[in-house]
C-alpha atoms as a PDB file:
ATOM      1  CA  MET A   1     151.086 106.648  26.465  1.00  0.00           C
ATOM      2  CA  ASP A   2     153.054 107.403  29.666  1.00  0.00           C
ATOM      3  CA  ILE A   3     151.319 105.714  32.573  1.00  0.00           C
ATOM      4  CA  SER A   4     154.314 105.121  34.800  1.00  0.00           C
ATOM      5  CA  GLN A   5     153.086 107.399  37.579  1.00  0.00           C
ATOM      6  CA  ASP A   6     149.709 105.654  37.700  1.00  0.00           C
ATOM      7  CA  PHE A   7     150.804 102.058  37.425  1.00  0.00           C
ATOM      8  CA  GLN A   8     154.424 101.266  38.245  1.00  0.00           C
ATOM      9  CA  ALA A   9     154.507 102.092  41.942  1.00  0.00           C
ATOM     10  CA  PRO A  10     151.377 100.148  42.997  1.00  0.00           C
ATOM     11  CA  PHE A  11     152.621  96.970  41.320  1.00  0.00           C
ATOM     12  CA  PHE A  12     156.309  97.097  42.162  1.00  0.00           C
ATOM     13  CA  ALA A  13     155.802  97.953  45.806  1.00  0.00           C
ATOM     14  CA  MET A  14     153.380  95.017  46.052  1.00  0.00           C
ATOM     15  CA  SER A  15     150.732  97.125  47.672  1.00  0.00           C
ATOM     16  CA  ARG A  16     147.258  95.699  48.115  1.00  0.00           C
ATOM     17  CA  LEU A  17     145.319  95.279  44.883  1.00  0.00           C
ATOM     18  CA  LEU A  18     142.814  97.805  46.211  1.00  0.00           C
ATOM     19  CA  SER A  19     145.439 100.552  45.838  1.00  0.00           C
ATOM     20  CA  PHE A  20     145.622 100.034  42.080  1.00  0.00           C
ATOM     21  CA  PRO A  21     143.701 102.726  40.106  1.00  0.00           C
ATOM     22  CA  TRP A  22     141.063 100.348  38.784  1.00  0.00           C
ATOM     23  CA  THR A  23     138.486 103.105  38.312  1.00  0.00           C
ATOM     24  CA  PHE A  24     140.791 104.855  35.850  1.00  0.00           C
ATOM     25  CA  VAL A  25     141.315 101.587  33.974  1.00  0.00           C
ATOM     26  CA  GLU A  26     137.589 100.882  33.769  1.00  0.00           C
ATOM     27  CA  LYS A  27     136.755 104.369  32.489  1.00  0.00           C
ATOM     28  CA  ASP A  28     139.479 104.238  29.822  1.00  0.00           C
ATOM     29  CA  LEU A  29     138.386 100.811  28.607  1.00  0.00           C
ATOM     30  CA  GLU A  30     134.739 101.848  28.490  1.00  0.00           C
ATOM     31  CA  SER A  31     135.430 105.022  26.527  1.00  0.00           C
ATOM     32  CA  ASN A  32     138.033 103.695  24.089  1.00  0.00           C
ATOM     33  CA  LYS A  33     137.030 100.039  23.707  1.00  0.00           C
ATOM     34  CA  SER A  34     140.699  99.341  23.095  1.00  0.00           C
ATOM     35  CA  SER A  35     143.204  97.008  24.734  1.00  0.00           C
ATOM     36  CA  GLU A  36     146.035  99.508  24.274  1.00  0.00           C
ATOM     37  CA  LEU A  37     145.914 100.537  27.940  1.00  0.00           C
ATOM     38  CA  ILE A  38     146.026  96.898  29.077  1.00  0.00           C
ATOM     39  CA  SER A  39     149.063  96.323  26.879  1.00  0.00           C
ATOM     40  CA  ASP A  40     150.802  99.367  28.386  1.00  0.00           C
ATOM     41  CA  ILE A  41     150.022  98.179  31.912  1.00  0.00           C
ATOM     42  CA  LEU A  42     151.464  94.745  31.150  1.00  0.00           C
ATOM     43  CA  LYS A  43     154.671  96.251  29.780  1.00  0.00           C
ATOM     44  CA  GLN A  44     155.156  98.289  32.926  1.00  0.00           C
ATOM     45  CA  THR A  45     154.236  95.515  35.364  1.00  0.00           C
ATOM     46  CA  CYS A  46     154.314  91.760  34.635  1.00  0.00           C
ATOM     47  CA  LEU A  47     156.338  92.057  31.436  1.00  0.00           C
ATOM     48  CA  HIS A  48     158.708  94.712  32.753  1.00  0.00           C
ATOM     49  CA  SER A  49     162.367  93.652  32.918  1.00  0.00           C
ATOM     50  CA  LEU A  50     162.454  94.325  36.677  1.00  0.00           C
ATOM     51  CA  CYS A  51     159.508  92.003  37.257  1.00  0.00           C
ATOM     52  CA  ARG A  52     161.084  89.367  35.032  1.00  0.00           C
ATOM     53  CA  LYS A  53     164.346  89.511  36.939  1.00  0.00           C
ATOM     54  CA  PHE A  54     162.781  89.760  40.404  1.00  0.00           C
ATOM     55  CA  PRO A  55     159.322  88.157  40.141  1.00  0.00           C
ATOM     56  CA  PRO A  56     156.696  88.990  42.780  1.00  0.00           C
ATOM     57  CA  SER A  57     154.705  86.135  44.301  1.00  0.00           C
ATOM     58  CA  ALA A  58     152.821  83.935  41.851  1.00  0.00           C
ATOM     59  CA  LYS A  59     149.636  84.398  43.901  1.00  0.00           C
ATOM     60  CA  TYR A  60     149.813  88.176  43.598  1.00  0.00           C
ATOM     61  CA  ARG A  61     150.475  88.048  39.855  1.00  0.00           C
ATOM     62  CA  LYS A  62     147.538  85.662  39.335  1.00  0.00           C
ATOM     63  CA  LEU A  63     145.197  88.011  41.210  1.00  0.00           C
ATOM     64  CA  PHE A  64     146.510  91.062  39.388  1.00  0.00           C
ATOM     65  CA  LEU A  65     146.204  89.533  35.910  1.00  0.00           C
ATOM     66  CA  SER A  66     142.776  88.085  36.712  1.00  0.00           C
ATOM     67  CA  GLN A  67     141.567  91.565  37.647  1.00  0.00           C
ATOM     68  CA  LEU A  68     142.894  92.962  34.367  1.00  0.00           C
ATOM     69  CA  ILE A  69     141.115  90.240  32.379  1.00  0.00           C
ATOM     70  CA  LYS A  70     137.895  90.773  34.329  1.00  0.00           C
ATOM     71  CA  ARG A  71     137.810  94.466  33.467  1.00  0.00           C
ATOM     72  CA  GLN A  72     138.854  93.950  29.854  1.00  0.00           C
ATOM     73  CA  GLU A  73     136.068  91.446  29.298  1.00  0.00           C
ATOM     74  CA  ALA A  74     133.504  93.625  31.112  1.00  0.00           C
ATOM     75  CA  ALA A  75     134.339  96.514  28.766  1.00  0.00           C
ATOM     76  CA  GLY A  76     133.890  94.313  25.687  1.00  0.00           C
ATOM     77  CA  CYS A  77     137.416  94.893  24.395  1.00  0.00           C
ATOM     78  CA  ASP A  78     139.074  92.528  21.955  1.00  0.00           C
ATOM     79  CA  PRO A  79     141.024  89.734  23.689  1.00  0.00           C
ATOM     80  CA  LEU A  80     144.713  90.455  24.182  1.00  0.00           C
ATOM     81  CA  ASP A  81     146.860  87.377  23.615  1.00  0.00           C
ATOM     82  CA  GLU A  82     149.787  88.645  25.701  1.00  0.00           C
ATOM     83  CA  LEU A  83     147.477  89.112  28.688  1.00  0.00           C
ATOM     84  CA  TYR A  84     146.281  85.508  28.589  1.00  0.00           C
ATOM     85  CA  ASP A  85     149.828  84.290  27.931  1.00  0.00           C
ATOM     86  CA  ALA A  86     151.033  86.116  31.034  1.00  0.00           C
ATOM     87  CA  LEU A  87     148.277  84.509  33.114  1.00  0.00           C
ATOM     88  CA  ALA A  88     149.045  81.053  31.715  1.00  0.00           C
ATOM     89  CA  GLU A  89     152.675  81.528  32.733  1.00  0.00           C
ATOM     90  CA  VAL A  90     151.837  82.144  36.396  1.00  0.00           C
ATOM     91  CA  VAL A  91     148.962  79.664  36.681  1.00  0.00           C
ATOM     92  CA  GLY A  92     151.492  76.852  36.474  1.00  0.00           C
ATOM     93  CA  ALA A  93     153.935  78.499  38.864  1.00  0.00           C
ATOM     94  CA  GLU A  94     154.301  76.999  42.317  1.00  0.00           C
ATOM     95  CA  ASP A  95     153.581  79.119  45.378  1.00  0.00           C
ATOM     96  CA  THR A  96     156.727  79.602  47.428  1.00  0.00           C
ATOM     97  CA  SER A  97     157.448  80.870  50.932  1.00  0.00           C
ATOM     98  CA  GLU A  98     159.489  83.778  49.563  1.00  0.00           C
ATOM     99  CA  CYS A  99     159.169  86.228  46.701  1.00  0.00           C
ATOM    100  CA  TYR A 100     160.729  89.444  45.453  1.00  0.00           C
ATOM    101  CA  LYS A 101     159.337  92.889  46.128  1.00  0.00           C
ATOM    102  CA  SER A 102     160.669  95.880  44.247  1.00  0.00           C
ATOM    103  CA  TYR A 103     160.401  99.472  45.441  1.00  0.00           C
ATOM    104  CA  LEU A 104     160.756 102.368  43.004  1.00  0.00           C
ATOM    105  CA  LEU A 105     162.790 105.336  44.224  1.00  0.00           C
ATOM    106  CA  PRO A 106     162.578 108.926  42.972  1.00  0.00           C
ATOM    107  CA  GLY A 107     164.709 109.370  39.879  1.00  0.00           C
ATOM    108  CA  GLY A 108     164.015 105.898  38.479  1.00  0.00           C
ATOM    109  CA  ASP A 109     166.272 103.769  40.698  1.00  0.00           C
ATOM    110  CA  SER A 110     164.801 100.765  42.494  1.00  0.00           C
ATOM    111  CA  VAL A 111     165.480  98.435  45.413  1.00  0.00           C
ATOM    112  CA  SER A 112     164.538  94.756  44.978  1.00  0.00           C
ATOM    113  CA  LEU A 113     164.310  92.570  48.064  1.00  0.00           C
ATOM    114  CA  ARG A 114     163.753  88.907  48.786  1.00  0.00           C
ATOM    115  CA  GLU A 115     161.029  88.781  51.421  1.00  0.00           C
ATOM    116  CA  SER A 116     158.796  86.235  53.088  1.00  0.00           C
ATOM    117  CA  VAL A 117     155.267  85.791  51.780  1.00  0.00           C
ATOM    118  CA  ALA A 118     154.012  85.283  55.354  1.00  0.00           C
ATOM    119  CA  LEU A 119     154.044  88.135  57.875  1.00  0.00           C
ATOM    120  CA  ILE A 120     155.527  85.821  60.487  1.00  0.00           C
ATOM    121  CA  SER A 121     158.054  83.210  59.394  1.00  0.00           C
ATOM    122  CA  ASP A 122     160.571  81.171  61.358  1.00  0.00           C
ATOM    123  CA  GLY A 123     159.309  82.811  64.535  1.00  0.00           C
ATOM    124  CA  THR A 124     160.170  86.349  63.384  1.00  0.00           C
ATOM    125  CA  THR A 125     158.467  89.343  61.784  1.00  0.00           C
ATOM    126  CA  GLY A 126     161.782  90.529  60.374  1.00  0.00           C
ATOM    127  CA  LEU A 127     161.457  88.921  56.943  1.00  0.00           C
ATOM    128  CA  VAL A 128     158.976  91.451  55.524  1.00  0.00           C
ATOM    129  CA  THR A 129     159.003  95.225  55.101  1.00  0.00           C
ATOM    130  CA  TRP A 130     156.630  96.971  57.507  1.00  0.00           C
ATOM    131  CA  GLU A 131     154.944 100.376  57.266  1.00  0.00           C
ATOM    132  CA  ALA A 132     157.289 102.219  59.624  1.00  0.00           C
ATOM    133  CA  ALA A 133     160.288 101.135  57.519  1.00  0.00           C
ATOM    134  CA  LEU A 134     158.576 102.576  54.439  1.00  0.00           C
ATOM    135  CA  PHE A 135     157.886 105.833  56.294  1.00  0.00           C
ATOM    136  CA  LEU A 136     161.456 106.052  57.613  1.00  0.00           C
ATOM    137  CA  THR A 137     162.755 105.476  54.086  1.00  0.00           C
ATOM    138  CA  GLU A 138     160.568 108.295  52.770  1.00  0.00           C
ATOM    139  CA  TRP A 139     161.830 110.536  55.587  1.00  0.00           C
ATOM    140  CA  ALA A 140     165.453 109.675  54.772  1.00  0.00           C
ATOM    141  CA  LEU A 141     164.928 110.601  51.121  1.00  0.00           C
ATOM    142  CA  GLU A 142     163.826 114.073  52.247  1.00  0.00           C
ATOM    143  CA  HIS A 143     166.507 114.480  54.956  1.00  0.00           C
ATOM    144  CA  ARG A 144     169.641 113.187  53.258  1.00  0.00           C
ATOM    145  CA  GLN A 145     171.787 115.575  55.290  1.00  0.00           C
ATOM    146  CA  ALA A 146     171.071 113.426  58.363  1.00  0.00           C
ATOM    147  CA  PHE A 147     173.149 110.650  56.780  1.00  0.00           C
ATOM    148  CA  SER A 148     175.538 112.303  54.344  1.00  0.00           C
ATOM    149  CA  GLY A 149     179.183 111.831  55.358  1.00  0.00           C
ATOM    150  CA  ARG A 150     178.186 110.016  58.553  1.00  0.00           C
ATOM    151  CA  THR A 151     178.571 106.525  59.986  1.00  0.00           C
ATOM    152  CA  VAL A 152     175.074 105.102  60.272  1.00  0.00           C
ATOM    153  CA  LEU A 153     173.990 102.178  62.465  1.00  0.00           C
ATOM    154  CA  GLU A 154     170.604 100.619  61.759  1.00  0.00           C
ATOM    155  CA  LEU A 155     169.034  98.519  64.505  1.00  0.00           C
ATOM    156  CA  GLY A 156     166.730  95.691  63.443  1.00  0.00           C
ATOM    157  CA  SER A 157     167.463  96.146  59.748  1.00  0.00           C
ATOM    158  CA  GLY A 158     165.148  93.315  58.705  1.00  0.00           C
ATOM    159  CA  VAL A 159     165.262  92.733  54.944  1.00  0.00           C
ATOM    160  CA  GLY A 160     167.101  96.009  54.404  1.00  0.00           C
ATOM    161  CA  LEU A 161     164.903  98.515  52.532  1.00  0.00           C
ATOM    162  CA  THR A 162     165.740 101.599  54.598  1.00  0.00           C
ATOM    163  CA  GLY A 163     169.465 100.943  54.831  1.00  0.00           C
ATOM    164  CA  ILE A 164     169.910 100.026  51.177  1.00  0.00           C
ATOM    165  CA  THR A 165     168.003 103.146  50.122  1.00  0.00           C
ATOM    166  CA  ILE A 166     170.169 105.338  52.363  1.00  0.00           C
ATOM    167  CA  CYS A 167     173.326 103.773  50.906  1.00  0.00           C
ATOM    168  CA  ARG A 168     171.999 104.387  47.407  1.00  0.00           C
ATOM    169  CA  THR A 169     170.825 107.966  47.852  1.00  0.00           C
ATOM    170  CA  CYS A 170     172.225 109.669  50.962  1.00  0.00           C
ATOM    171  CA  SER A 171     176.034 109.243  50.655  1.00  0.00           C
ATOM    172  CA  PRO A 172     176.824 107.986  54.177  1.00  0.00           C
ATOM    173  CA  LYS A 173     180.467 107.617  55.165  1.00  0.00           C
ATOM    174  CA  ARG A 174     179.788 104.070  56.385  1.00  0.00           C
ATOM    175  CA  PHE A 175     176.678 101.982  56.973  1.00  0.00           C
ATOM    176  CA  VAL A 176     176.217  99.179  59.503  1.00  0.00           C
ATOM    177  CA  PHE A 177     173.175  96.921  59.087  1.00  0.00           C
ATOM    178  CA  SER A 178     172.325  94.875  62.177  1.00  0.00           C
ATOM    179  CA  ASP A 179     169.884  92.235  63.383  1.00  0.00           C
ATOM    180  CA  CYS A 180     170.023  89.133  65.559  1.00  0.00           C
ATOM    181  CA  HIS A 181     167.804  86.440  63.998  1.00  0.00           C
ATOM    182  CA  PRO A 182     169.943  84.004  61.924  1.00  0.00           C
ATOM    183  CA  ARG A 183     167.576  83.754  58.977  1.00  0.00           C
ATOM    184  CA  VAL A 184     166.979  87.503  58.937  1.00  0.00           C
ATOM    185  CA  LEU A 185     170.723  88.111  58.885  1.00  0.00           C
ATOM    186  CA  GLN A 186     171.175  85.697  55.975  1.00  0.00           C
ATOM    187  CA  THR A 187     168.338  87.278  53.997  1.00  0.00           C
ATOM    188  CA  LEU A 188     169.690  90.737  54.814  1.00  0.00           C
ATOM    189  CA  GLU A 189     173.156  89.810  53.549  1.00  0.00           C
ATOM    190  CA  ASP A 190     171.609  88.362  50.392  1.00  0.00           C
ATOM    191  CA  ASN A 191     169.593  91.540  49.760  1.00  0.00           C
ATOM    192  CA  VAL A 192     172.611  93.770  50.314  1.00  0.00           C
ATOM    193  CA  ARG A 193     174.517  91.741  47.713  1.00  0.00           C
ATOM    194  CA  LEU A 194     171.480  91.577  45.421  1.00  0.00           C
ATOM    195  CA  ASN A 195     171.372  95.364  45.267  1.00  0.00           C
ATOM    196  CA  ALA A 196     175.131  95.587  44.730  1.00  0.00           C
ATOM    197  CA  VAL A 197     175.484  97.859  47.751  1.00  0.00           C
ATOM    198  CA  THR A 198     178.762  96.209  48.753  1.00  0.00           C
ATOM    199  CA  GLN A 199     180.232  97.088  45.343  1.00  0.00           C
ATOM    200  CA  ARG A 200     179.551 100.799  45.669  1.00  0.00           C
ATOM    201  CA  GLU A 201     182.374 102.973  47.004  1.00  0.00           C
ATOM    202  CA  PRO A 202     181.601 104.773  49.169  1.00  0.00           C
ATOM    203  CA  PRO A 203     180.131 103.740  51.503  1.00  0.00           C
ATOM    204  CA  PRO A 204     181.750 100.727  53.141  1.00  0.00           C
ATOM    205  CA  VAL A 205     178.917  98.452  54.267  1.00  0.00           C
ATOM    206  CA  THR A 206     178.819  95.731  56.925  1.00  0.00           C
ATOM    207  CA  VAL A 207     176.112  93.396  58.202  1.00  0.00           C
ATOM    208  CA  GLN A 208     176.507  92.580  61.895  1.00  0.00           C
ATOM    209  CA  GLU A 209     174.779  90.392  64.425  1.00  0.00           C
ATOM    210  CA  LEU A 210     173.720  92.635  67.296  1.00  0.00           C
ATOM    211  CA  ASP A 211     171.796  91.173  70.219  1.00  0.00           C
ATOM    212  CA  TRP A 212     170.236  94.069  72.117  1.00  0.00           C
ATOM    213  CA  SER A 213     170.175  92.236  75.425  1.00  0.00           C
ATOM    214  CA  THR A 214     173.864  91.262  75.411  1.00  0.00           C
ATOM    215  CA  ALA A 215     175.594  94.000  73.373  1.00  0.00           C
ATOM    216  CA  THR A 216     178.544  95.454  75.272  1.00  0.00           C
ATOM    217  CA  GLU A 217     179.717  99.040  75.461  1.00  0.00           C
ATOM    218  CA  GLU A 218     182.946  97.998  73.733  1.00  0.00           C
ATOM    219  CA  GLN A 219     181.030  96.388  70.859  1.00  0.00           C
ATOM    220  CA  VAL A 220     178.886  99.483  70.387  1.00  0.00           C
ATOM    221  CA  ALA A 221     181.808 101.897  70.714  1.00  0.00           C
ATOM    222  CA  ARG A 222     183.701 100.162  67.885  1.00  0.00           C
ATOM    223  CA  ILE A 223     180.949 101.126  65.434  1.00  0.00           C
ATOM    224  CA  GLU A 224     181.453 104.845  66.155  1.00  0.00           C
ATOM    225  CA  ALA A 225     177.978 105.682  64.910  1.00  0.00           C
ATOM    226  CA  ASP A 226     177.068 109.297  64.146  1.00  0.00           C
ATOM    227  CA  THR A 227     173.466 108.414  63.363  1.00  0.00           C
ATOM    228  CA  VAL A 228     171.355 105.511  64.666  1.00  0.00           C
ATOM    229  CA  ILE A 229     168.030 104.520  63.116  1.00  0.00           C
ATOM    230  CA  ALA A 230     165.391 101.854  63.685  1.00  0.00           C
ATOM    231  CA  ALA A 231     161.888 101.156  62.372  1.00  0.00           C
ATOM    232  CA  ASP A 232     159.050  99.007  63.716  1.00  0.00           C
ATOM    233  CA  VAL A 233     161.076  97.751  66.668  1.00  0.00           C
ATOM    234  CA  VAL A 234     158.629  98.691  69.455  1.00  0.00           C
ATOM    235  CA  TYR A 235     156.059  95.898  69.203  1.00  0.00           C
ATOM    236  CA  ASP A 236     156.593  93.892  72.387  1.00  0.00           C
ATOM    237  CA  PRO A 237     157.289  95.045  75.990  1.00  0.00           C
ATOM    238  CA  GLU A 238     160.233  92.666  76.430  1.00  0.00           C
ATOM    239  CA  VAL A 239     161.775  93.699  73.113  1.00  0.00           C
ATOM    240  CA  ALA A 240     161.272  97.357  74.055  1.00  0.00           C
ATOM    241  CA  GLU A 241     163.077  96.772  77.335  1.00  0.00           C
ATOM    242  CA  SER A 242     166.096  95.290  75.528  1.00  0.00           C
ATOM    243  CA  LEU A 243     166.020  98.164  73.033  1.00  0.00           C
ATOM    244  CA  VAL A 244     166.123 100.775  75.799  1.00  0.00           C
ATOM    245  CA  LYS A 245     169.051  98.944  77.379  1.00  0.00           C
ATOM    246  CA  LEU A 246     170.951  99.087  74.090  1.00  0.00           C
ATOM    247  CA  LEU A 247     170.063 102.738  73.469  1.00  0.00           C
ATOM    248  CA  ASN A 248     171.342 103.573  76.945  1.00  0.00           C
ATOM    249  CA  THR A 249     174.608 101.787  76.112  1.00  0.00           C
ATOM    250  CA  ILE A 250     174.908 103.689  72.823  1.00  0.00           C
ATOM    251  CA  LEU A 251     174.379 107.043  74.533  1.00  0.00           C
ATOM    252  CA  SER A 252     176.934 106.109  77.183  1.00  0.00           C
ATOM    253  CA  CYS A 253     179.584 105.808  74.456  1.00  0.00           C
ATOM    254  CA  SER A 254     178.823 108.918  72.408  1.00  0.00           C
ATOM    255  CA  SER A 255     176.055 111.311  71.387  1.00  0.00           C
ATOM    256  CA  PRO A 256     174.768 110.183  67.995  1.00  0.00           C
ATOM    257  CA  ASP A 257     171.540 111.379  66.425  1.00  0.00           C
ATOM    258  CA  ILE A 258     168.994 108.634  67.108  1.00  0.00           C
ATOM    259  CA  TYR A 259     165.739 108.273  65.181  1.00  0.00           C
ATOM    260  CA  ILE A 260     163.102 105.632  66.012  1.00  0.00           C
ATOM    261  CA  CYS A 261     160.081 105.210  63.727  1.00  0.00           C
ATOM    262  CA  SER A 262     157.132 103.191  65.006  1.00  0.00           C
ATOM    263  CA  THR A 263     153.717 102.087  63.885  1.00  0.00           C
ATOM    264  CA  VAL A 264     151.652 102.534  67.043  1.00  0.00           C
ATOM    265  CA  ARG A 265     149.610  99.330  66.964  1.00  0.00           C
ATOM    266  CA  ASN A 266     149.350  99.003  70.743  1.00  0.00           C
ATOM    267  CA  PRO A 267     149.322 102.405  72.503  1.00  0.00           C
ATOM    268  CA  GLU A 268     150.014 100.747  75.863  1.00  0.00           C
ATOM    269  CA  THR A 269     153.188  99.056  74.588  1.00  0.00           C
ATOM    270  CA  TYR A 270     154.377 102.257  72.914  1.00  0.00           C
ATOM    271  CA  SER A 271     153.648 104.334  76.013  1.00  0.00           C
ATOM    272  CA  GLY A 272     155.539 101.782  78.102  1.00  0.00           C
ATOM    273  CA  PHE A 273     158.544 102.167  75.789  1.00  0.00           C
ATOM    274  CA  LYS A 274     158.555 105.935  76.320  1.00  0.00           C
ATOM    275  CA  THR A 275     158.266 105.441  80.085  1.00  0.00           C
ATOM    276  CA  GLN A 276     161.293 103.139  80.039  1.00  0.00           C
ATOM    277  CA  LEU A 277     163.226 105.735  78.037  1.00  0.00           C
ATOM    278  CA  GLN A 278     162.427 108.354  80.660  1.00  0.00           C
ATOM    279  CA  LYS A 279     163.517 106.086  83.497  1.00  0.00           C
ATOM    280  CA  ALA A 280     166.815 105.505  81.678  1.00  0.00           C
ATOM    281  CA  GLY A 281     167.392 109.245  81.438  1.00  0.00           C
ATOM    282  CA  ILE A 282     166.698 109.348  77.688  1.00  0.00           C
ATOM    283  CA  SER A 283     164.533 112.182  76.415  1.00  0.00           C
ATOM    284  CA  HIS A 284     162.698 112.335  73.116  1.00  0.00           C
ATOM    285  CA  ARG A 285     160.990 114.756  70.796  1.00  0.00           C
ATOM    286  CA  VAL A 286     158.354 113.869  68.242  1.00  0.00           C
ATOM    287  CA  MET A 287     159.364 114.599  64.651  1.00  0.00           C
ATOM    288  CA  THR A 288     156.496 116.488  63.052  1.00  0.00           C
ATOM    289  CA  GLY A 289     155.761 117.289  59.446  1.00  0.00           C
ATOM    290  CA  ALA A 290     154.530 115.164  56.558  1.00  0.00           C
ATOM    291  CA  VAL A 291     156.757 113.307  54.129  1.00  0.00           C
ATOM    292  CA  SER A 292     156.266 112.879  50.396  1.00  0.00           C
ATOM    293  CA  HIS A 293     154.441 109.677  49.536  1.00  0.00           C
ATOM    294  CA  VAL A 294     156.974 107.615  47.599  1.00  0.00           C
ATOM    295  CA  PHE A 295     155.580 104.130  48.283  1.00  0.00           C
ATOM    296  CA  PRO A 296     151.955 102.943  48.181  1.00  0.00           C
ATOM    297  CA  TYR A 297     151.015 101.432  51.542  1.00  0.00           C
ATOM    298  CA  SER A 298     148.234 101.717  54.088  1.00  0.00           C
ATOM    299  CA  ARG A 299     148.564 104.941  56.054  1.00  0.00           C
ATOM    300  CA  GLY A 300     145.583 104.256  58.280  1.00  0.00           C
ATOM    301  CA  SER A 301     147.679 103.299  61.294  1.00  0.00           C
ATOM    302  CA  ALA A 302     149.395 105.943  63.403  1.00  0.00           C
ATOM    303  CA  ILE A 303     153.106 106.201  62.617  1.00  0.00           C
ATOM    304  CA  GLU A 304     155.320 108.257  64.910  1.00  0.00           C
ATOM    305  CA  MET A 305     158.957 109.151  64.556  1.00  0.00           C
ATOM    306  CA  ILE A 306     160.975 110.359  67.535  1.00  0.00           C
ATOM    307  CA  GLN A 307     164.489 111.668  68.026  1.00  0.00           C
ATOM    308  CA  LEU A 308     166.267 110.561  71.203  1.00  0.00           C
ATOM    309  CA  TYR A 309     168.884 112.331  73.254  1.00  0.00           C
ATOM    310  CA  ARG A 310     170.356 112.129  76.726  1.00  0.00           C
ATOM    311  CA  GLY A 311     168.122 114.073  79.086  1.00  0.00           C
ATOM    312  CA  LEU A 312     169.553 116.948  81.103  1.00  0.00           C
END
């Protein structure tokens, strides 16, 4: 039974449990009265080699396995020893501040990242993957020509999903990850190594500290970026101000393609960012068109992607 399309992505991307196709599971169990489906799900989730090597949080696995057991018992199926063994394994596991999250890419490849369990940790939001980064990654997978053969600079790389995926799939000439928070930079470097990106030739990959408020024109010019990307970096007026300052510096050095992807949580903050861009002489156009849904995540919030250029 091939259930990879139904079950792998929701588990590996660590989406909310509500995104899992429980209705399908319940109907199959009710009609067949067999634990075969549960066994298949286990093999492609908790018992999968990727999950064994890069285990998701113990809390998530407990909830997931408990939901499987609940539905198996409700359907009156015979008990499945491997299901209870898997639960027993995680019941004794300690909750930690970090866990692994794995994201399946088209074609069967995957990116596994060490991320924070908490949304905010060590005073930063940069230790988790946010929705705009997932959207930008999906966009990159459909627009590989925007990165192929080019030097790419990513601002606010966070834990590295978008950049690592681009290195894996889009054949850039060179890729520069950047951030400024010490712990984020360390986690980013670890994730780049974890995914063996530095061992792949090409592209040459570097991880750099880049403080938006103090970056110099000389520092930016040395990167020689052809394409600049950023995701979920417009969340605070002061941060947005520093970002516009850096973008102005970048456009003073050269004319790269610049793409900014944002989840519009606060329309006032996002509008203020666009106003600051205009005052700095930077124009933008909204990138329209849907992208293929590669990752399971909440798409209820407005996500907008814009391309920037020096206004005439």
